[in-house]
C-alpha atoms as a PDB file:
ATOM      1  CA  MET A   1     314.228 201.745  57.825  1.00  0.00           C
ATOM      2  CA  LEU A   2     315.583 201.019  54.360  1.00  0.00           C
ATOM      3  CA  ARG A   3     319.685 201.185  53.729  1.00  0.00           C
ATOM      4  CA  MET A   4     319.634 199.453  50.487  1.00  0.00           C
ATOM      5  CA  ILE A   5     317.900 198.819  46.633  1.00  0.00           C
ATOM      6  CA  VAL A   6     318.535 196.168  45.059  1.00  0.00           C
ATOM      7  CA  CYS A   7     317.376 195.555  41.316  1.00  0.00           C
ATOM      8  CA  ASP A   8     316.805 192.676  39.144  1.00  0.00           C
ATOM      9  CA  TRP A   9     318.117 194.151  35.519  1.00  0.00           C
ATOM     10  CA  ASN A  10     315.953 191.831  32.583  1.00  0.00           C
ATOM     11  CA  GLY A  11     312.376 191.927  33.152  1.00  0.00           C
ATOM     12  CA  THR A  12     312.523 194.580  35.715  1.00  0.00           C
ATOM     13  CA  LEU A  13     314.958 197.770  34.874  1.00  0.00           C
ATOM     14  CA  PHE A  14     314.964 196.573  31.161  1.00  0.00           C
ATOM     15  CA  ARG A  15     311.930 195.609  29.179  1.00  0.00           C
ATOM     16  CA  GLU A  16     313.708 192.059  27.614  1.00  0.00           C
ATOM     17  CA  PRO A  17     313.220 188.951  29.986  1.00  0.00           C
ATOM     18  CA  LEU A  18     316.230 187.432  28.472  1.00  0.00           C
ATOM     19  CA  ASP A  19     318.872 190.190  26.903  1.00  0.00           C
ATOM     20  CA  LYS A  20     318.034 188.976  23.230  1.00  0.00           C
ATOM     21  CA  THR A  21     318.991 192.027  21.445  1.00  0.00           C
ATOM     22  CA  PHE A  22     322.657 192.427  23.031  1.00  0.00           C
ATOM     23  CA  PHE A  23     323.447 189.147  22.420  1.00  0.00           C
ATOM     24  CA  LEU A  24     321.892 188.673  19.028  1.00  0.00           C
ATOM     25  CA  GLY A  25     323.637 191.788  17.556  1.00  0.00           C
ATOM     26  CA  LEU A  26     326.947 189.774  18.585  1.00  0.00           C
ATOM     27  CA  CYS A  27     325.703 186.999  16.732  1.00  0.00           C
ATOM     28  CA  ARG A  28     324.743 189.205  13.718  1.00  0.00           C
ATOM     29  CA  ARG A  29     328.251 190.387  13.699  1.00  0.00           C
ATOM     30  CA  ALA A  30     330.053 187.388  13.713  1.00  0.00           C
ATOM     31  CA  PHE A  31     328.091 185.870  10.697  1.00  0.00           C
ATOM     32  CA  TRP A  32     328.421 189.056   8.454  1.00  0.00           C
ATOM     33  CA  ARG A  33     331.930 189.063   9.508  1.00  0.00           C
ATOM     34  CA  ALA A  34     332.634 185.543   8.401  1.00  0.00           C
ATOM     35  CA  LEU A  35     330.307 185.882   5.404  1.00  0.00           C
ATOM     36  CA  ARG A  36     332.360 188.903   3.853  1.00  0.00           C
ATOM     37  CA  ARG A  37     335.915 187.014   4.643  1.00  0.00           C
ATOM     38  CA  GLY A  38     334.679 184.353   2.741  1.00  0.00           C
ATOM     39  CA  LYS A  39     334.763 181.620   5.481  1.00  0.00           C
ATOM     40  CA  LEU A  40     332.206 179.487   4.298  1.00  0.00           C
ATOM     41  CA  ARG A  41     332.882 176.631   6.621  1.00  0.00           C
ATOM     42  CA  LYS A  42     332.624 179.204   9.723  1.00  0.00           C
ATOM     43  CA  THR A  43     329.452 180.676   7.882  1.00  0.00           C
ATOM     44  CA  LEU A  44     327.622 177.349   8.005  1.00  0.00           C
ATOM     45  CA  ARG A  45     328.829 176.729  11.298  1.00  0.00           C
ATOM     46  CA  LEU A  46     326.903 179.811  12.289  1.00  0.00           C
ATOM     47  CA  MET A  47     324.029 179.377  10.864  1.00  0.00           C
ATOM     48  CA  GLY A  48     323.588 175.872  12.599  1.00  0.00           C
ATOM     49  CA  LEU A  49     324.584 177.344  15.964  1.00  0.00           C
ATOM     50  CA  GLY A  50     322.015 180.236  15.635  1.00  0.00           C
ATOM     51  CA  ALA A  51     319.339 177.841  14.937  1.00  0.00           C
ATOM     52  CA  ARG A  52     320.146 175.661  17.756  1.00  0.00           C
ATOM     53  CA  CYS A  53     320.033 178.978  19.612  1.00  0.00           C
ATOM     54  CA  LEU A  54     316.789 179.892  18.803  1.00  0.00           C
ATOM     55  CA  GLY A  55     315.194 176.386  20.138  1.00  0.00           C
ATOM     56  CA  LEU A  56     316.971 176.909  23.622  1.00  0.00           C
ATOM     57  CA  TYR A  57     315.707 180.976  23.390  1.00  0.00           C
ATOM     58  CA  LEU A  58     311.902 179.684  22.859  1.00  0.00           C
ATOM     59  CA  ALA A  59     312.828 177.220  25.508  1.00  0.00           C
ATOM     60  CA  ALA A  60     313.536 179.702  28.151  1.00  0.00           C
ATOM     61  CA  LYS A  61     310.679 182.010  26.950  1.00  0.00           C
ATOM     62  CA  GLY A  62     308.155 178.894  27.852  1.00  0.00           C
ATOM     63  CA  ASP A  63     309.918 177.618  30.980  1.00  0.00           C
ATOM     64  CA  PRO A  64     311.190 180.708  33.168  1.00  0.00           C
ATOM     65  CA  ASP A  65     312.051 178.358  36.367  1.00  0.00           C
ATOM     66  CA  ARG A  66     314.906 176.659  33.957  1.00  0.00           C
ATOM     67  CA  ALA A  67     315.371 179.636  31.667  1.00  0.00           C
ATOM     68  CA  THR A  68     318.874 180.140  32.852  1.00  0.00           C
ATOM     69  CA  ARG A  69     319.803 176.813  32.505  1.00  0.00           C
ATOM     70  CA  HIS A  70     318.536 177.185  28.768  1.00  0.00           C
ATOM     71  CA  VAL A  71     320.522 180.522  28.971  1.00  0.00           C
ATOM     72  CA  GLY A  72     323.911 179.039  30.361  1.00  0.00           C
ATOM     73  CA  ARG A  73     323.648 176.376  27.102  1.00  0.00           C
ATOM     74  CA  ILE A  74     323.399 179.483  24.814  1.00  0.00           C
ATOM     75  CA  VAL A  75     326.574 180.619  26.409  1.00  0.00           C
ATOM     76  CA  ASP A  76     328.384 177.667  25.909  1.00  0.00           C
ATOM     77  CA  LEU A  77     327.309 177.128  22.345  1.00  0.00           C
ATOM     78  CA  LEU A  78     328.326 180.918  21.742  1.00  0.00           C
ATOM     79  CA  ASN A  79     331.391 181.376  23.419  1.00  0.00           C
ATOM     80  CA  PRO A  80     334.099 179.498  20.769  1.00  0.00           C
ATOM     81  CA  ASP A  81     332.706 181.203  17.684  1.00  0.00           C
ATOM     82  CA  VAL A  82     330.961 184.279  18.777  1.00  0.00           C
ATOM     83  CA  PHE A  83     332.623 185.949  21.470  1.00  0.00           C
ATOM     84  CA  ARG A  84     336.067 184.661  21.639  1.00  0.00           C
ATOM     85  CA  GLY A  85     338.224 186.808  19.958  1.00  0.00           C
ATOM     86  CA  LEU A  86     336.283 189.864  19.846  1.00  0.00           C
ATOM     87  CA  ALA A  87     338.881 193.173  20.162  1.00  0.00           C
ATOM     88  CA  ARG A  88     338.195 194.818  23.270  1.00  0.00           C
ATOM     89  CA  ASP A  89     337.728 198.274  21.393  1.00  0.00           C
ATOM     90  CA  ASP A  90     335.219 196.504  18.961  1.00  0.00           C
ATOM     91  CA  LEU A  91     333.276 195.060  21.918  1.00  0.00           C
ATOM     92  CA  ASP A  92     332.859 198.627  23.430  1.00  0.00           C
ATOM     93  CA  ALA A  93     331.770 200.411  20.512  1.00  0.00           C
ATOM     94  CA  TYR A  94     329.125 197.934  20.360  1.00  0.00           C
ATOM     95  CA  THR A  95     328.298 197.566  23.709  1.00  0.00           C
ATOM     96  CA  ARG A  96     328.171 201.846  23.310  1.00  0.00           C
ATOM     97  CA  ARG A  97     325.777 201.707  20.267  1.00  0.00           C
ATOM     98  CA  TYR A  98     323.527 199.017  21.842  1.00  0.00           C
ATOM     99  CA  ALA A  99     323.461 201.070  24.831  1.00  0.00           C
ATOM    100  CA  ARG A 100     322.154 204.241  23.063  1.00  0.00           C
ATOM    101  CA  ARG A 101     319.600 201.838  20.915  1.00  0.00           C
ATOM    102  CA  ILE A 102     317.759 200.350  24.121  1.00  0.00           C
ATOM    103  CA  GLY A 103     317.226 203.687  26.179  1.00  0.00           C
ATOM    104  CA  PRO A 104     313.380 203.671  25.209  1.00  0.00           C
ATOM    105  CA  ALA A 105     313.125 199.746  26.805  1.00  0.00           C
ATOM    106  CA  LEU A 106     314.266 201.362  30.069  1.00  0.00           C
ATOM    107  CA  ASP A 107     311.463 201.538  32.971  1.00  0.00           C
ATOM    108  CA  ARG A 108     310.919 205.528  33.814  1.00  0.00           C
ATOM    109  CA  ARG A 109     308.271 204.347  36.117  1.00  0.00           C
ATOM    110  CA  LEU A 110     311.227 202.485  38.481  1.00  0.00           C
ATOM    111  CA  LEU A 111     313.948 204.292  37.486  1.00  0.00           C
ATOM    112  CA  GLU A 112     312.781 207.931  38.180  1.00  0.00           C
ATOM    113  CA  PRO A 113     311.293 207.421  41.784  1.00  0.00           C
ATOM    114  CA  LEU A 114     314.613 205.370  42.313  1.00  0.00           C
ATOM    115  CA  LEU A 115     317.010 207.927  41.274  1.00  0.00           C
ATOM    116  CA  ARG A 116     314.796 210.879  43.026  1.00  0.00           C
ATOM    117  CA  VAL A 117     314.348 208.881  46.597  1.00  0.00           C
ATOM    118  CA  ALA A 118     318.428 207.991  46.132  1.00  0.00           C
ATOM    119  CA  ARG A 119     319.560 211.794  46.257  1.00  0.00           C
ATOM    120  CA  GLU A 120     317.137 212.659  48.557  1.00  0.00           C
ATOM    121  CA  THR A 121     318.323 209.972  51.287  1.00  0.00           C
ATOM    122  CA  GLY A 122     321.625 208.554  49.808  1.00  0.00           C
ATOM    123  CA  ILE A 123     320.661 205.119  49.974  1.00  0.00           C
ATOM    124  CA  PRO A 124     322.532 203.475  47.760  1.00  0.00           C
ATOM    125  CA  VAL A 125     320.712 201.612  44.397  1.00  0.00           C
ATOM    126  CA  GLY A 126     322.314 198.910  42.537  1.00  0.00           C
ATOM    127  CA  VAL A 127     321.775 195.740  40.044  1.00  0.00           C
ATOM    128  CA  VAL A 128     321.949 192.134  40.748  1.00  0.00           C
ATOM    129  CA  SER A 129     321.456 190.392  37.300  1.00  0.00           C
ATOM    130  CA  SER A 130     322.517 187.513  35.359  1.00  0.00           C
ATOM    131  CA  ALA A 131     322.947 190.112  32.034  1.00  0.00           C
ATOM    132  CA  CYS A 132     326.017 191.003  30.578  1.00  0.00           C
ATOM    133  CA  ARG A 133     327.681 193.974  33.453  1.00  0.00           C
ATOM    134  CA  GLY A 134     329.304 196.267  30.836  1.00  0.00           C
ATOM    135  CA  ALA A 135     325.756 196.295  28.872  1.00  0.00           C
ATOM    136  CA  ILE A 136     324.299 197.169  32.088  1.00  0.00           C
ATOM    137  CA  GLU A 137     326.629 199.790  32.528  1.00  0.00           C
ATOM    138  CA  ALA A 138     326.462 201.298  29.395  1.00  0.00           C
ATOM    139  CA  ALA A 139     322.918 201.838  29.036  1.00  0.00           C
ATOM    140  CA  LEU A 140     322.640 203.116  32.556  1.00  0.00           C
ATOM    141  CA  SER A 141     325.276 205.805  31.590  1.00  0.00           C
ATOM    142  CA  GLU A 142     323.327 206.362  28.435  1.00  0.00           C
ATOM    143  CA  ALA A 143     320.227 207.186  30.691  1.00  0.00           C
ATOM    144  CA  ASP A 144     322.004 209.376  32.633  1.00  0.00           C
ATOM    145  CA  CYS A 145     321.012 206.885  35.753  1.00  0.00           C
ATOM    146  CA  ALA A 146     324.241 206.712  38.286  1.00  0.00           C
ATOM    147  CA  PHE A 147     323.694 203.371  40.247  1.00  0.00           C
ATOM    148  CA  ASP A 148     326.048 202.577  42.959  1.00  0.00           C
ATOM    149  CA  PHE A 149     326.960 199.250  41.766  1.00  0.00           C
ATOM    150  CA  VAL A 150     326.508 196.488  39.090  1.00  0.00           C
ATOM    151  CA  LEU A 151     326.791 192.904  40.199  1.00  0.00           C
ATOM    152  CA  ALA A 152     326.663 190.815  36.471  1.00  0.00           C
ATOM    153  CA  ASN A 153     328.077 188.421  34.617  1.00  0.00           C
ATOM    154  CA  GLU A 154     331.181 189.636  32.320  1.00  0.00           C
ATOM    155  CA  PHE A 155     333.692 189.139  29.253  1.00  0.00           C
ATOM    156  CA  ARG A 156     336.847 187.530  30.333  1.00  0.00           C
ATOM    157  CA  MET A 157     339.764 189.235  28.571  1.00  0.00           C
ATOM    158  CA  ASP A 158     342.603 187.681  27.388  1.00  0.00           C
ATOM    159  CA  GLY A 159     345.037 190.774  26.669  1.00  0.00           C
ATOM    160  CA  GLY A 160     343.018 192.960  24.122  1.00  0.00           C
ATOM    161  CA  VAL A 161     340.572 190.449  23.042  1.00  0.00           C
ATOM    162  CA  THR A 162     337.754 188.487  24.707  1.00  0.00           C
ATOM    163  CA  ALA A 163     338.316 185.083  26.000  1.00  0.00           C
ATOM    164  CA  SER A 164     334.919 184.044  27.095  1.00  0.00           C
ATOM    165  CA  PHE A 165     331.547 185.329  28.318  1.00  0.00           C
ATOM    166  CA  ASP A 166     331.634 183.998  32.140  1.00  0.00           C
ATOM    167  CA  PHE A 167     328.310 182.913  32.795  1.00  0.00           C
ATOM    168  CA  VAL A 168     328.873 182.363  36.510  1.00  0.00           C
ATOM    169  CA  ILE A 169     325.435 184.421  37.894  1.00  0.00           C
ATOM    170  CA  ALA A 170     322.263 182.674  37.393  1.00  0.00           C
ATOM    171  CA  ASP A 171     320.078 180.937  39.815  1.00  0.00           C
ATOM    172  CA  ASN A 172     322.323 181.946  42.636  1.00  0.00           C
ATOM    173  CA  LYS A 173     321.772 185.685  42.679  1.00  0.00           C
ATOM    174  CA  LEU A 174     320.746 184.989  46.435  1.00  0.00           C
ATOM    175  CA  ASP A 175     324.231 184.286  47.408  1.00  0.00           C
ATOM    176  CA  LEU A 176     325.630 187.491  46.158  1.00  0.00           C
ATOM    177  CA  LEU A 177     323.199 189.437  47.540  1.00  0.00           C
ATOM    178  CA  THR A 178     323.723 187.829  51.018  1.00  0.00           C
ATOM    179  CA  ASP A 179     327.557 188.424  50.587  1.00  0.00           C
ATOM    180  CA  LEU A 180     327.020 192.127  49.474  1.00  0.00           C
ATOM    181  CA  LEU A 181     324.668 192.895  52.350  1.00  0.00           C
ATOM    182  CA  ALA A 182     327.439 191.519  54.617  1.00  0.00           C
ATOM    183  CA  GLU A 183     330.268 193.453  53.114  1.00  0.00           C
ATOM    184  CA  ARG A 184     327.928 196.214  53.583  1.00  0.00           C
ATOM    185  CA  ASN A 185     326.709 195.755  56.966  1.00  0.00           C
ATOM    186  CA  VAL A 186     323.419 195.808  55.754  1.00  0.00           C
ATOM    187  CA  ALA A 187     320.427 193.325  57.418  1.00  0.00           C
ATOM    188  CA  ALA A 188     318.503 191.774  54.935  1.00  0.00           C
ATOM    189  CA  ALA A 189     315.529 193.233  56.644  1.00  0.00           C
ATOM    190  CA  ASP A 190     316.176 196.955  55.737  1.00  0.00           C
ATOM    191  CA  VAL A 191     316.819 195.944  51.911  1.00  0.00           C
ATOM    192  CA  MET A 192     314.152 196.859  49.196  1.00  0.00           C
ATOM    193  CA  TYR A 193     314.490 193.932  46.531  1.00  0.00           C
ATOM    194  CA  ILE A 194     312.769 194.496  42.646  1.00  0.00           C
ATOM    195  CA  GLY A 195     312.496 191.503  40.644  1.00  0.00           C
ATOM    196  CA  ASP A 196     310.148 189.717  37.965  1.00  0.00           C
ATOM    197  CA  SER A 197     311.082 185.950  37.864  1.00  0.00           C
ATOM    198  CA  PRO A 198     311.462 183.034  39.603  1.00  0.00           C
ATOM    199  CA  GLN A 199     315.647 183.431  39.721  1.00  0.00           C
ATOM    200  CA  ASP A 200     314.287 186.563  42.013  1.00  0.00           C
ATOM    201  CA  GLU A 201     311.854 184.778  44.273  1.00  0.00           C
ATOM    202  CA  PRO A 202     314.830 183.541  46.754  1.00  0.00           C
ATOM    203  CA  CYS A 203     315.734 187.273  47.022  1.00  0.00           C
ATOM    204  CA  LEU A 204     312.141 188.415  47.402  1.00  0.00           C
ATOM    205  CA  HIS A 205     311.787 186.041  50.266  1.00  0.00           C
ATOM    206  CA  HIS A 206     314.881 187.196  51.960  1.00  0.00           C
ATOM    207  CA  VAL A 207     314.380 190.873  51.918  1.00  0.00           C
ATOM    208  CA  GLY A 208     311.898 192.989  54.149  1.00  0.00           C
ATOM    209  CA  THR A 209     310.897 194.582  51.500  1.00  0.00           C
ATOM    210  CA  PRO A 210     310.477 192.789  48.090  1.00  0.00           C
ATOM    211  CA  VAL A 211     308.450 194.662  45.436  1.00  0.00           C
ATOM    212  CA  VAL A 212     307.647 192.780  41.655  1.00  0.00           C
ATOM    213  CA  SER A 213     308.256 195.085  38.677  1.00  0.00           C
ATOM    214  CA  PHE A 214     305.863 196.384  36.291  1.00  0.00           C
ATOM    215  CA  TRP A 215     306.763 193.909  33.482  1.00  0.00           C
ATOM    216  CA  ALA A 216     306.425 190.492  35.480  1.00  0.00           C
ATOM    217  CA  THR A 217     303.640 188.417  34.442  1.00  0.00           C
ATOM    218  CA  ALA A 218     300.434 188.333  35.906  1.00  0.00           C
ATOM    219  CA  ALA A 219     300.869 184.984  37.279  1.00  0.00           C
ATOM    220  CA  HIS A 220     304.647 186.259  38.821  1.00  0.00           C
ATOM    221  CA  LYS A 221     303.180 189.055  40.233  1.00  0.00           C
ATOM    222  CA  GLU A 222     300.482 186.600  42.295  1.00  0.00           C
ATOM    223  CA  ARG A 223     302.746 183.986  42.957  1.00  0.00           C
ATOM    224  CA  PHE A 224     305.422 186.394  44.514  1.00  0.00           C
ATOM    225  CA  SER A 225     302.461 188.340  46.107  1.00  0.00           C
ATOM    226  CA  ARG A 226     301.584 184.795  47.873  1.00  0.00           C
ATOM    227  CA  THR A 227     305.002 183.346  48.570  1.00  0.00           C
ATOM    228  CA  CYS A 228     306.707 186.275  49.709  1.00  0.00           C
ATOM    229  CA  GLY A 229     304.638 188.946  50.329  1.00  0.00           C
ATOM    230  CA  ALA A 230     305.373 191.017  47.574  1.00  0.00           C
ATOM    231  CA  LEU A 231     304.083 194.566  46.315  1.00  0.00           C
ATOM    232  CA  ALA A 232     302.979 194.645  43.042  1.00  0.00           C
ATOM    233  CA  PRO A 233     302.497 198.724  42.366  1.00  0.00           C
ATOM    234  CA  ALA A 234     299.959 199.478  39.990  1.00  0.00           C
ATOM    235  CA  ASP A 235     301.984 202.349  38.639  1.00  0.00           C
ATOM    236  CA  GLY A 236     304.996 204.988  39.195  1.00  0.00           C
ATOM    237  CA  ALA A 237     303.059 207.090  41.619  1.00  0.00           C
ATOM    238  CA  ALA A 238     302.317 204.179  43.460  1.00  0.00           C
ATOM    239  CA  PHE A 239     305.822 202.996  43.629  1.00  0.00           C
ATOM    240  CA  GLU A 240     307.201 206.206  44.761  1.00  0.00           C
ATOM    241  CA  GLN A 241     304.841 206.282  47.606  1.00  0.00           C
ATOM    242  CA  CYS A 242     305.575 202.605  48.684  1.00  0.00           C
ATOM    243  CA  LEU A 243     309.623 203.717  48.477  1.00  0.00           C
ATOM    244  CA  ARG A 244     309.628 206.751  50.358  1.00  0.00           C
ATOM    245  CA  ALA A 245     307.265 204.771  52.829  1.00  0.00           C
ATOM    246  CA  ALA A 246     309.685 201.763  53.396  1.00  0.00           C
ATOM    247  CA  ALA A 247     312.365 204.726  53.049  1.00  0.00           C
ATOM    248  CA  GLY A 248     311.004 206.521  56.295  1.00  0.00           C
ATOM    249  CA  GLY A 249     309.930 209.366  54.079  1.00  0.00           C
END
């Protein structure tokens, strides 16, 4: 009997596979602020960082199995000059604007059945992701989607400003999932996990009901179906049917 539903974020509930929009917006903000303030040296440094990060982003897109390694290097590059020193209020305001903008990129084929069945059955639904927790929570709130928990990477604060973006959730999602299930006394056999990428594969292997997201590539759908026995529903109706069957409805 299904007792918990856990979703990936990027490429699953949210169309973008690597959170480009959220972090690119922060980079643009830092660049224009430095330029307006006449900080030529920092402006030039940010331009160089942008070029290096673009190369790493393209490498991550082209090599999904090692994507989090490339993203980790991007975060290391951006922490000193882009993320550090953001005022909490400015970051919160930016995150709210971002959440409003990405609403159309959320997958209602998954979200609506998930919320419908969760309301009817009381089964908790949450996210385990390497994306930014604040951005995920803001996007779900803006979309009026109440999830029970979000486990994701976060900005570490130093008083009223950011110290860094701590990229600690990457290829270790299975560890977080097993800890979560232990805390809530839920057996892996009673869990549905929905994901799209190689970083989700250990979790898909671990649970009783693995599901591949609609935005997963055809190659990953075939791979996870073969290696994990994962379901790849054709549409929202098929997903809801699978969900209700797993929930015993």
